[in-house]
Amino acid sequence: MAMKIKELREKSDLELDKLLTELMSQLQDCRFAVAGRRLKRVREMLEARKTIARILTLKKERQSVAGHVEKPTKQVEVLVKTEPVATTNNEVVAKTEA
């Protein structure tokens, strides 16, 4: 059965990590069972995925509270290449490419 967030909040980080690895393994086993048509309760996959999502959300909340981590902003740097181009008047002009 899927664990509720209230139950998960009571667990330590170590317990959550252990539970997360168990659920990931269980989810993989369920996927193989579905592929081999051996799984009777497909709902197990849904419950495992939801519990994994709850654990990951809880871990992210704990990280943000403990270290107040903000998302890094992605900086994009635009480089402009210039190549000398000769014109008909024998003047050199810089051609830019973006």
PDB file of N, CA and C in Angstrom:
ATOM      1  N   MET A   1       0.846  -1.174   0.000  1.00  0.00           N
ATOM      2  CA  MET A   1       0.000   0.000   0.000  1.00  0.00           C
ATOM      3  C   MET A   1       0.893   1.240   0.000  1.00  0.00           C
ATOM      4  N   ALA A   2       0.427   2.271  -0.664  1.00  0.00           N
ATOM      5  CA  ALA A   2       1.190   3.523  -0.755  1.00  0.00           C
ATOM      6  C   ALA A   2       1.242   4.194   0.616  1.00  0.00           C
ATOM      7  N   MET A   3       2.409   4.704   0.934  1.00  0.00           N
ATOM      8  CA  MET A   3       2.580   5.384   2.213  1.00  0.00           C
ATOM      9  C   MET A   3       2.130   6.832   2.080  1.00  0.00           C
ATOM     10  N   LYS A   4       1.514   7.321   3.113  1.00  0.00           N
ATOM     11  CA  LYS A   4       1.074   8.709   3.104  1.00  0.00           C
ATOM     12  C   LYS A   4       2.231   9.608   3.503  1.00  0.00           C
ATOM     13  N   ILE A   5       2.132  10.867   3.113  1.00  0.00           N
ATOM     14  CA  ILE A   5       3.198  11.827   3.372  1.00  0.00           C
ATOM     15  C   ILE A   5       3.419  12.017   4.868  1.00  0.00           C
ATOM     16  N   LYS A   6       2.363  11.894   5.645  1.00  0.00           N
ATOM     17  CA  LYS A   6       2.478  12.053   7.104  1.00  0.00           C
ATOM     18  C   LYS A   6       3.372  10.957   7.687  1.00  0.00           C
ATOM     19  N   GLU A   7       3.212   9.738   7.188  1.00  0.00           N
ATOM     20  CA  GLU A   7       4.047   8.626   7.650  1.00  0.00           C
ATOM     21  C   GLU A   7       5.498   8.828   7.221  1.00  0.00           C
ATOM     22  N   LEU A   8       5.688   9.349   6.026  1.00  0.00           N
ATOM     23  CA  LEU A   8       7.037   9.550   5.507  1.00  0.00           C
ATOM     24  C   LEU A   8       7.777  10.659   6.240  1.00  0.00           C
ATOM     25  N   ARG A   9       7.054  11.690   6.676  1.00  0.00           N
ATOM     26  CA  ARG A   9       7.682  12.803   7.396  1.00  0.00           C
ATOM     27  C   ARG A   9       8.276  12.353   8.731  1.00  0.00           C
ATOM     28  N   GLU A  10       7.742  11.290   9.299  1.00  0.00           N
ATOM     29  CA  GLU A  10       8.225  10.789  10.576  1.00  0.00           C
ATOM     30  C   GLU A  10       9.535  10.012  10.435  1.00  0.00           C
ATOM     31  N   LYS A  11       9.899   9.635   9.224  1.00  0.00           N
ATOM     32  CA  LYS A  11      11.098   8.833   8.996  1.00  0.00           C
ATOM     33  C   LYS A  11      12.337   9.717   8.865  1.00  0.00           C
ATOM     34  N   SER A  12      13.484   9.154   9.191  1.00  0.00           N
ATOM     35  CA  SER A  12      14.745   9.876   9.056  1.00  0.00           C
ATOM     36  C   SER A  12      15.205   9.828   7.595  1.00  0.00           C
ATOM     37  N   ASP A  13      16.244  10.604   7.299  1.00  0.00           N
ATOM     38  CA  ASP A  13      16.774  10.623   5.931  1.00  0.00           C
ATOM     39  C   ASP A  13      17.320   9.258   5.540  1.00  0.00           C
ATOM     40  N   LEU A  14      17.962   8.591   6.463  1.00  0.00           N
ATOM     41  CA  LEU A  14      18.522   7.271   6.185  1.00  0.00           C
ATOM     42  C   LEU A  14      17.415   6.266   5.874  1.00  0.00           C
ATOM     43  N   GLU A  15      16.348   6.313   6.649  1.00  0.00           N
ATOM     44  CA  GLU A  15      15.208   5.422   6.409  1.00  0.00           C
ATOM     45  C   GLU A  15      14.555   5.731   5.066  1.00  0.00           C
ATOM     46  N   LEU A  16      14.456   7.006   4.734  1.00  0.00           N
ATOM     47  CA  LEU A  16      13.868   7.380   3.440  1.00  0.00           C
ATOM     48  C   LEU A  16      14.723   6.890   2.274  1.00  0.00           C
ATOM     49  N   ASP A  17      16.039   6.990   2.410  1.00  0.00           N
ATOM     50  CA  ASP A  17      16.926   6.506   1.362  1.00  0.00           C
ATOM     51  C   ASP A  17      16.779   5.004   1.166  1.00  0.00           C
ATOM     52  N   LYS A  18      16.705   4.283   2.275  1.00  0.00           N
ATOM     53  CA  LYS A  18      16.545   2.826   2.207  1.00  0.00           C
ATOM     54  C   LYS A  18      15.208   2.465   1.561  1.00  0.00           C
ATOM     55  N   LEU A  19      14.150   3.150   1.971  1.00  0.00           N
ATOM     56  CA  LEU A  19      12.830   2.898   1.415  1.00  0.00           C
ATOM     57  C   LEU A  19      12.788   3.245  -0.077  1.00  0.00           C
ATOM     58  N   LEU A  20      13.481   4.311  -0.449  1.00  0.00           N
ATOM     59  CA  LEU A  20      13.520   4.728  -1.849  1.00  0.00           C
ATOM     60  C   LEU A  20      14.183   3.663  -2.720  1.00  0.00           C
ATOM     61  N   THR A  21      15.292   3.111  -2.268  1.00  0.00           N
ATOM     62  CA  THR A  21      15.960   2.073  -3.052  1.00  0.00           C
ATOM     63  C   THR A  21      15.103   0.812  -3.146  1.00  0.00           C
ATOM     64  N   GLU A  22      14.407   0.474  -2.061  1.00  0.00           N
ATOM     65  CA  GLU A  22      13.513  -0.688  -2.086  1.00  0.00           C
ATOM     66  C   GLU A  22      12.374  -0.481  -3.084  1.00  0.00           C
ATOM     67  N   LEU A  23      11.795   0.710  -3.073  1.00  0.00           N
ATOM     68  CA  LEU A  23      10.678   0.987  -3.981  1.00  0.00           C
ATOM     69  C   LEU A  23      11.128   1.034  -5.440  1.00  0.00           C
ATOM     70  N   MET A  24      12.327   1.565  -5.678  1.00  0.00           N
ATOM     71  CA  MET A  24      12.846   1.585  -7.043  1.00  0.00           C
ATOM     72  C   MET A  24      13.036   0.151  -7.553  1.00  0.00           C
ATOM     73  N   SER A  25      13.557  -0.706  -6.691  1.00  0.00           N
ATOM     74  CA  SER A  25      13.744  -2.106  -7.048  1.00  0.00           C
ATOM     75  C   SER A  25      12.400  -2.787  -7.286  1.00  0.00           C
ATOM     76  N   GLN A  26      11.427  -2.486  -6.419  1.00  0.00           N
ATOM     77  CA  GLN A  26      10.092  -3.060  -6.562  1.00  0.00           C
ATOM     78  C   GLN A  26       9.443  -2.596  -7.864  1.00  0.00           C
ATOM     79  N   LEU A  27       9.624  -1.343  -8.200  1.00  0.00           N
ATOM     80  CA  LEU A  27       9.055  -0.806  -9.436  1.00  0.00           C
ATOM     81  C   LEU A  27       9.675  -1.484 -10.648  1.00  0.00           C
ATOM     82  N   GLN A  28      10.970  -1.709 -10.607  1.00  0.00           N
ATOM     83  CA  GLN A  28      11.629  -2.390 -11.716  1.00  0.00           C
ATOM     84  C   GLN A  28      11.102  -3.822 -11.847  1.00  0.00           C
ATOM     85  N   ASP A  29      10.946  -4.508 -10.723  1.00  0.00           N
ATOM     86  CA  ASP A  29      10.398  -5.868 -10.753  1.00  0.00           C
ATOM     87  C   ASP A  29       8.981  -5.883 -11.322  1.00  0.00           C
ATOM     88  N   CYS A  30       8.196  -4.885 -10.946  1.00  0.00           N
ATOM     89  CA  CYS A  30       6.826  -4.784 -11.467  1.00  0.00           C
ATOM     90  C   CYS A  30       6.823  -4.574 -12.977  1.00  0.00           C
ATOM     91  N   ARG A  31       7.744  -3.748 -13.461  1.00  0.00           N
ATOM     92  CA  ARG A  31       7.815  -3.507 -14.904  1.00  0.00           C
ATOM     93  C   ARG A  31       8.145  -4.789 -15.658  1.00  0.00           C
ATOM     94  N   PHE A  32       9.085  -5.569 -15.111  1.00  0.00           N
ATOM     95  CA  PHE A  32       9.423  -6.836 -15.752  1.00  0.00           C
ATOM     96  C   PHE A  32       8.246  -7.809 -15.693  1.00  0.00           C
ATOM     97  N   ALA A  33       7.526  -7.802 -14.580  1.00  0.00           N
ATOM     98  CA  ALA A  33       6.372  -8.681 -14.431  1.00  0.00           C
ATOM     99  C   ALA A  33       5.262  -8.305 -15.407  1.00  0.00           C
ATOM    100  N   VAL A  34       5.076  -7.014 -15.627  1.00  0.00           N
ATOM    101  CA  VAL A  34       4.058  -6.570 -16.586  1.00  0.00           C
ATOM    102  C   VAL A  34       4.458  -7.002 -17.991  1.00  0.00           C
ATOM    103  N   ALA A  35       5.736  -6.860 -18.310  1.00  0.00           N
ATOM    104  CA  ALA A  35       6.207  -7.244 -19.641  1.00  0.00           C
ATOM    105  C   ALA A  35       6.038  -8.742 -19.867  1.00  0.00           C
ATOM    106  N   GLY A  36       6.219  -9.526 -18.819  1.00  0.00           N
ATOM    107  CA  GLY A  36       6.058 -10.970 -18.926  1.00  0.00           C
ATOM    108  C   GLY A  36       4.645 -11.438 -18.628  1.00  0.00           C
ATOM    109  N   ARG A  37       3.752 -10.509 -18.431  1.00  0.00           N
ATOM    110  CA  ARG A  37       2.335 -10.791 -18.130  1.00  0.00           C
ATOM    111  C   ARG A  37       2.176 -11.670 -16.893  1.00  0.00           C
ATOM    112  N   ARG A  38       3.002 -11.401 -15.878  1.00  0.00           N
ATOM    113  CA  ARG A  38       2.931 -12.157 -14.631  1.00  0.00           C
ATOM    114  C   ARG A  38       2.348 -11.337 -13.487  1.00  0.00           C
ATOM    115  N   LEU A  39       2.163 -10.055 -13.683  1.00  0.00           N
ATOM    116  CA  LEU A  39       1.698  -9.188 -12.594  1.00  0.00           C
ATOM    117  C   LEU A  39       0.174  -9.227 -12.519  1.00  0.00           C
ATOM    118  N   LYS A  40      -0.330  -9.550 -11.349  1.00  0.00           N
ATOM    119  CA  LYS A  40      -1.783  -9.621 -11.145  1.00  0.00           C
ATOM    120  C   LYS A  40      -2.359  -8.262 -10.780  1.00  0.00           C
ATOM    121  N   ARG A  41      -1.623  -7.495  -9.930  1.00  0.00           N
ATOM    122  CA  ARG A  41      -2.104  -6.182  -9.501  1.00  0.00           C
ATOM    123  C   ARG A  41      -1.222  -5.098 -10.115  1.00  0.00           C
ATOM    124  N   VAL A  42      -1.700  -4.500 -11.188  1.00  0.00           N
ATOM    125  CA  VAL A  42      -0.959  -3.442 -11.858  1.00  0.00           C
ATOM    126  C   VAL A  42      -0.931  -2.192 -10.984  1.00  0.00           C
ATOM    127  N   ARG A  43      -1.849  -2.102 -10.059  1.00  0.00           N
ATOM    128  CA  ARG A  43      -1.933  -0.953  -9.155  1.00  0.00           C
ATOM    129  C   ARG A  43      -0.667  -0.811  -8.301  1.00  0.00           C
ATOM    130  N   GLU A  44       0.052  -1.910  -8.096  1.00  0.00           N
ATOM    131  CA  GLU A  44       1.295  -1.861  -7.323  1.00  0.00           C
ATOM    132  C   GLU A  44       2.281  -0.882  -7.947  1.00  0.00           C
ATOM    133  N   MET A  45       2.323  -0.849  -9.273  1.00  0.00           N
ATOM    134  CA  MET A  45       3.227   0.069  -9.970  1.00  0.00           C
ATOM    135  C   MET A  45       2.857   1.516  -9.669  1.00  0.00           C
ATOM    136  N   LEU A  46       1.571   1.819  -9.730  1.00  0.00           N
ATOM    137  CA  LEU A  46       1.102   3.174  -9.474  1.00  0.00           C
ATOM    138  C   LEU A  46       1.423   3.602  -8.047  1.00  0.00           C
ATOM    139  N   GLU A  47       1.178   2.706  -7.091  1.00  0.00           N
ATOM    140  CA  GLU A  47       1.448   3.016  -5.692  1.00  0.00           C
ATOM    141  C   GLU A  47       2.944   3.240  -5.456  1.00  0.00           C
ATOM    142  N   ALA A  48       3.773   2.414  -6.078  1.00  0.00           N
ATOM    143  CA  ALA A  48       5.223   2.560  -5.911  1.00  0.00           C
ATOM    144  C   ALA A  48       5.695   3.888  -6.500  1.00  0.00           C
ATOM    145  N   ARG A  49       5.199   4.236  -7.684  1.00  0.00           N
ATOM    146  CA  ARG A  49       5.597   5.502  -8.316  1.00  0.00           C
ATOM    147  C   ARG A  49       5.186   6.699  -7.474  1.00  0.00           C
ATOM    148  N   LYS A  50       3.980   6.656  -6.930  1.00  0.00           N
ATOM    149  CA  LYS A  50       3.503   7.773  -6.111  1.00  0.00           C
ATOM    150  C   LYS A  50       4.310   7.903  -4.824  1.00  0.00           C
ATOM    151  N   THR A  51       4.638   6.780  -4.207  1.00  0.00           N
ATOM    152  CA  THR A  51       5.421   6.833  -2.980  1.00  0.00           C
ATOM    153  C   THR A  51       6.832   7.335  -3.268  1.00  0.00           C
ATOM    154  N   ILE A  52       7.408   6.920  -4.393  1.00  0.00           N
ATOM    155  CA  ILE A  52       8.731   7.417  -4.795  1.00  0.00           C
ATOM    156  C   ILE A  52       8.675   8.929  -4.976  1.00  0.00           C
ATOM    157  N   ALA A  53       7.639   9.416  -5.632  1.00  0.00           N
ATOM    158  CA  ALA A  53       7.492  10.859  -5.844  1.00  0.00           C
ATOM    159  C   ALA A  53       7.350  11.594  -4.508  1.00  0.00           C
ATOM    160  N   ARG A  54       6.612  11.016  -3.579  1.00  0.00           N
ATOM    161  CA  ARG A  54       6.453  11.643  -2.259  1.00  0.00           C
ATOM    162  C   ARG A  54       7.794  11.715  -1.528  1.00  0.00           C
ATOM    163  N   ILE A  55       8.569  10.639  -1.598  1.00  0.00           N
ATOM    164  CA  ILE A  55       9.871  10.619  -0.918  1.00  0.00           C
ATOM    165  C   ILE A  55      10.798  11.664  -1.522  1.00  0.00           C
ATOM    166  N   LEU A  56      10.849  11.724  -2.852  1.00  0.00           N
ATOM    167  CA  LEU A  56      11.724  12.695  -3.509  1.00  0.00           C
ATOM    168  C   LEU A  56      11.304  14.129  -3.191  1.00  0.00           C
ATOM    169  N   THR A  57       9.997  14.366  -3.125  1.00  0.00           N
ATOM    170  CA  THR A  57       9.497  15.689  -2.768  1.00  0.00           C
ATOM    171  C   THR A  57       9.888  16.043  -1.345  1.00  0.00           C
ATOM    172  N   LEU A  58       9.744  15.099  -0.447  1.00  0.00           N
ATOM    173  CA  LEU A  58      10.098  15.324   0.953  1.00  0.00           C
ATOM    174  C   LEU A  58      11.588  15.589   1.114  1.00  0.00           C
ATOM    175  N   LYS A  59      12.420  14.848   0.386  1.00  0.00           N
ATOM    176  CA  LYS A  59      13.869  15.060   0.454  1.00  0.00           C
ATOM    177  C   LYS A  59      14.235  16.448  -0.074  1.00  0.00           C
ATOM    178  N   LYS A  60      13.588  16.876  -1.138  1.00  0.00           N
ATOM    179  CA  LYS A  60      13.862  18.195  -1.692  1.00  0.00           C
ATOM    180  C   LYS A  60      13.424  19.284  -0.711  1.00  0.00           C
ATOM    181  N   GLU A  61      12.284  19.083  -0.046  1.00  0.00           N
ATOM    182  CA  GLU A  61      11.826  20.044   0.957  1.00  0.00           C
ATOM    183  C   GLU A  61      12.841  20.159   2.091  1.00  0.00           C
ATOM    184  N   ARG A  62      13.337  19.017   2.554  1.00  0.00           N
ATOM    185  CA  ARG A  62      14.302  19.031   3.649  1.00  0.00           C
ATOM    186  C   ARG A  62      15.602  19.716   3.231  1.00  0.00           C
ATOM    187  N   GLN A  63      16.029  19.513   2.002  1.00  0.00           N
ATOM    188  CA  GLN A  63      17.234  20.168   1.515  1.00  0.00           C
ATOM    189  C   GLN A  63      17.049  21.673   1.448  1.00  0.00           C
ATOM    190  N   SER A  64      15.903  22.107   0.952  1.00  0.00           N
ATOM    191  CA  SER A  64      15.683  23.546   0.796  1.00  0.00           C
ATOM    192  C   SER A  64      15.547  24.232   2.156  1.00  0.00           C
ATOM    193  N   VAL A  65      14.982  23.562   3.134  1.00  0.00           N
ATOM    194  CA  VAL A  65      14.851  24.138   4.470  1.00  0.00           C
ATOM    195  C   VAL A  65      16.208  24.168   5.163  1.00  0.00           C
ATOM    196  N   ALA A  66      16.984  23.098   5.026  1.00  0.00           N
ATOM    197  CA  ALA A  66      18.274  23.003   5.716  1.00  0.00           C
ATOM    198  C   ALA A  66      19.298  23.967   5.136  1.00  0.00           C
ATOM    199  N   GLY A  67      19.387  24.024   3.830  1.00  0.00           N
ATOM    200  CA  GLY A  67      20.411  24.852   3.226  1.00  0.00           C
ATOM    201  C   GLY A  67      19.865  26.015   2.444  1.00  0.00           C
ATOM    202  N   HIS A  68      18.578  26.145   2.396  1.00  0.00           N
ATOM    203  CA  HIS A  68      17.915  27.186   1.620  1.00  0.00           C
ATOM    204  C   HIS A  68      18.520  27.264   0.213  1.00  0.00           C
ATOM    205  N   VAL A  69      18.442  26.143  -0.467  1.00  0.00           N
ATOM    206  CA  VAL A  69      19.028  26.028  -1.801  1.00  0.00           C
ATOM    207  C   VAL A  69      18.061  26.590  -2.826  1.00  0.00           C
ATOM    208  N   GLU A  70      18.577  27.466  -3.660  1.00  0.00           N
ATOM    209  CA  GLU A  70      17.776  28.010  -4.739  1.00  0.00           C
ATOM    210  C   GLU A  70      18.200  27.354  -6.042  1.00  0.00           C
ATOM    211  N   LYS A  71      17.302  27.354  -6.987  1.00  0.00           N
ATOM    212  CA  LYS A  71      17.635  26.793  -8.287  1.00  0.00           C
ATOM    213  C   LYS A  71      18.695  27.657  -8.950  1.00  0.00           C
ATOM    214  N   PRO A  72      19.696  27.023  -9.519  1.00  0.00           N
ATOM    215  CA  PRO A  72      20.706  27.828 -10.216  1.00  0.00           C
ATOM    216  C   PRO A  72      20.110  28.395 -11.501  1.00  0.00           C
ATOM    217  N   THR A  73      20.448  29.640 -11.763  1.00  0.00           N
ATOM    218  CA  THR A  73      19.958  30.251 -12.991  1.00  0.00           C
ATOM    219  C   THR A  73      20.888  29.874 -14.122  1.00  0.00           C
ATOM    220  N   LYS A  74      20.311  29.649 -15.238  1.00  0.00           N
ATOM    221  CA  LYS A  74      21.090  29.247 -16.394  1.00  0.00           C
ATOM    222  C   LYS A  74      21.509  30.500 -17.141  1.00  0.00           C
ATOM    223  N   GLN A  75      22.797  30.688 -17.260  1.00  0.00           N
ATOM    224  CA  GLN A  75      23.300  31.856 -17.967  1.00  0.00           C
ATOM    225  C   GLN A  75      23.705  31.427 -19.366  1.00  0.00           C
ATOM    226  N   VAL A  76      23.246  32.170 -20.333  1.00  0.00           N
ATOM    227  CA  VAL A  76      23.553  31.877 -21.722  1.00  0.00           C
ATOM    228  C   VAL A  76      24.500  32.948 -22.223  1.00  0.00           C
ATOM    229  N   GLU A  77      25.608  32.515 -22.733  1.00  0.00           N
ATOM    230  CA  GLU A  77      26.593  33.445 -23.250  1.00  0.00           C
ATOM    231  C   GLU A  77      26.563  33.373 -24.771  1.00  0.00           C
ATOM    232  N   VAL A  78      26.389  34.507 -25.387  1.00  0.00           N
ATOM    233  CA  VAL A  78      26.343  34.572 -26.840  1.00  0.00           C
ATOM    234  C   VAL A  78      27.693  35.036 -27.346  1.00  0.00           C
ATOM    235  N   LEU A  79      28.273  34.226 -28.170  1.00  0.00           N
ATOM    236  CA  LEU A  79      29.560  34.578 -28.754  1.00  0.00           C
ATOM    237  C   LEU A  79      29.346  35.090 -30.170  1.00  0.00           C
ATOM    238  N   VAL A  80      30.004  36.164 -30.496  1.00  0.00           N
ATOM    239  CA  VAL A  80      29.893  36.736 -31.832  1.00  0.00           C
ATOM    240  C   VAL A  80      31.224  36.518 -32.528  1.00  0.00           C
ATOM    241  N   LYS A  81      31.160  35.834 -33.648  1.00  0.00           N
ATOM    242  CA  LYS A  81      32.360  35.590 -34.424  1.00  0.00           C
ATOM    243  C   LYS A  81      32.470  36.662 -35.502  1.00  0.00           C
ATOM    244  N   THR A  82      33.661  37.174 -35.676  1.00  0.00           N
ATOM    245  CA  THR A  82      33.868  38.161 -36.732  1.00  0.00           C
ATOM    246  C   THR A  82      34.898  37.625 -37.712  1.00  0.00           C
ATOM    247  N   GLU A  83      34.595  37.778 -38.976  1.00  0.00           N
ATOM    248  CA  GLU A  83      35.504  37.367 -40.033  1.00  0.00           C
ATOM    249  C   GLU A  83      35.713  38.547 -40.964  1.00  0.00           C
ATOM    250  N   PRO A  84      36.946  38.823 -41.347  1.00  0.00           N
ATOM    251  CA  PRO A  84      37.157  39.930 -42.279  1.00  0.00           C
ATOM    252  C   PRO A  84      36.645  39.545 -43.667  1.00  0.00           C
ATOM    253  N   VAL A  85      35.926  40.467 -44.270  1.00  0.00           N
ATOM    254  CA  VAL A  85      35.374  40.254 -45.607  1.00  0.00           C
ATOM    255  C   VAL A  85      35.794  41.430 -46.474  1.00  0.00           C
ATOM    256  N   ALA A  86      36.336  41.127 -47.614  1.00  0.00           N
ATOM    257  CA  ALA A  86      36.765  42.202 -48.533  1.00  0.00           C
ATOM    258  C   ALA A  86      35.572  42.659 -49.368  1.00  0.00           C
ATOM    259  N   THR A  87      35.467  43.964 -49.567  1.00  0.00           N
ATOM    260  CA  THR A  87      34.414  44.515 -50.415  1.00  0.00           C
ATOM    261  C   THR A  87      35.019  44.936 -51.747  1.00  0.00           C
ATOM    262  N   THR A  88      34.211  45.488 -52.617  1.00  0.00           N
ATOM    263  CA  THR A  88      34.678  45.881 -53.946  1.00  0.00           C
ATOM    264  C   THR A  88      35.623  47.071 -53.906  1.00  0.00           C
ATOM    265  N   ASN A  89      35.572  47.886 -52.879  1.00  0.00           N
ATOM    266  CA  ASN A  89      36.425  49.077 -52.761  1.00  0.00           C
ATOM    267  C   ASN A  89      37.718  48.748 -52.016  1.00  0.00           C
ATOM    268  N   ASN A  90      38.059  47.477 -51.876  1.00  0.00           N
ATOM    269  CA  ASN A  90      39.233  47.006 -51.160  1.00  0.00           C
ATOM    270  C   ASN A  90      39.242  47.439 -49.694  1.00  0.00           C
ATOM    271  N   GLU A  91      38.068  47.644 -49.114  1.00  0.00           N
ATOM    272  CA  GLU A  91      37.930  47.929 -47.682  1.00  0.00           C
ATOM    273  C   GLU A  91      37.650  46.631 -46.953  1.00  0.00           C
ATOM    274  N   VAL A  92      38.170  46.518 -45.777  1.00  0.00           N
ATOM    275  CA  VAL A  92      37.921  45.323 -44.973  1.00  0.00           C
ATOM    276  C   VAL A  92      36.821  45.649 -43.972  1.00  0.00           C
ATOM    277  N   VAL A  93      35.779  44.847 -44.012  1.00  0.00           N
ATOM    278  CA  VAL A  93      34.632  45.026 -43.140  1.00  0.00           C
ATOM    279  C   VAL A  93      34.464  43.734 -42.323  1.00  0.00           C
ATOM    280  N   ALA A  94      34.068  43.861 -41.078  1.00  0.00           N
ATOM    281  CA  ALA A  94      33.859  42.697 -40.232  1.00  0.00           C
ATOM    282  C   ALA A  94      32.473  42.143 -40.455  1.00  0.00           C
ATOM    283  N   LYS A  95      32.409  40.873 -40.774  1.00  0.00           N
ATOM    284  CA  LYS A  95      31.117  40.181 -40.937  1.00  0.00           C
ATOM    285  C   LYS A  95      30.827  39.461 -39.626  1.00  0.00           C
ATOM    286  N   THR A  96      29.635  39.659 -39.087  1.00  0.00           N
ATOM    287  CA  THR A  96      29.302  39.031 -37.790  1.00  0.00           C
ATOM    288  C   THR A  96      28.330  37.904 -38.008  1.00  0.00           C
ATOM    289  N   GLU A  97      28.539  36.851 -37.219  1.00  0.00           N
ATOM    290  CA  GLU A  97      27.624  35.717 -37.209  1.00  0.00           C
ATOM    291  C   GLU A  97      27.176  35.492 -35.781  1.00  0.00           C
ATOM    292  N   ALA A  98      25.909  35.227 -35.593  1.00  0.00           N
ATOM    293  CA  ALA A  98      25.417  34.986 -34.225  1.00  0.00           C
ATOM    294  C   ALA A  98      25.214  33.514 -34.008  1.00  0.00           C
TER     295      ALA A  98
END
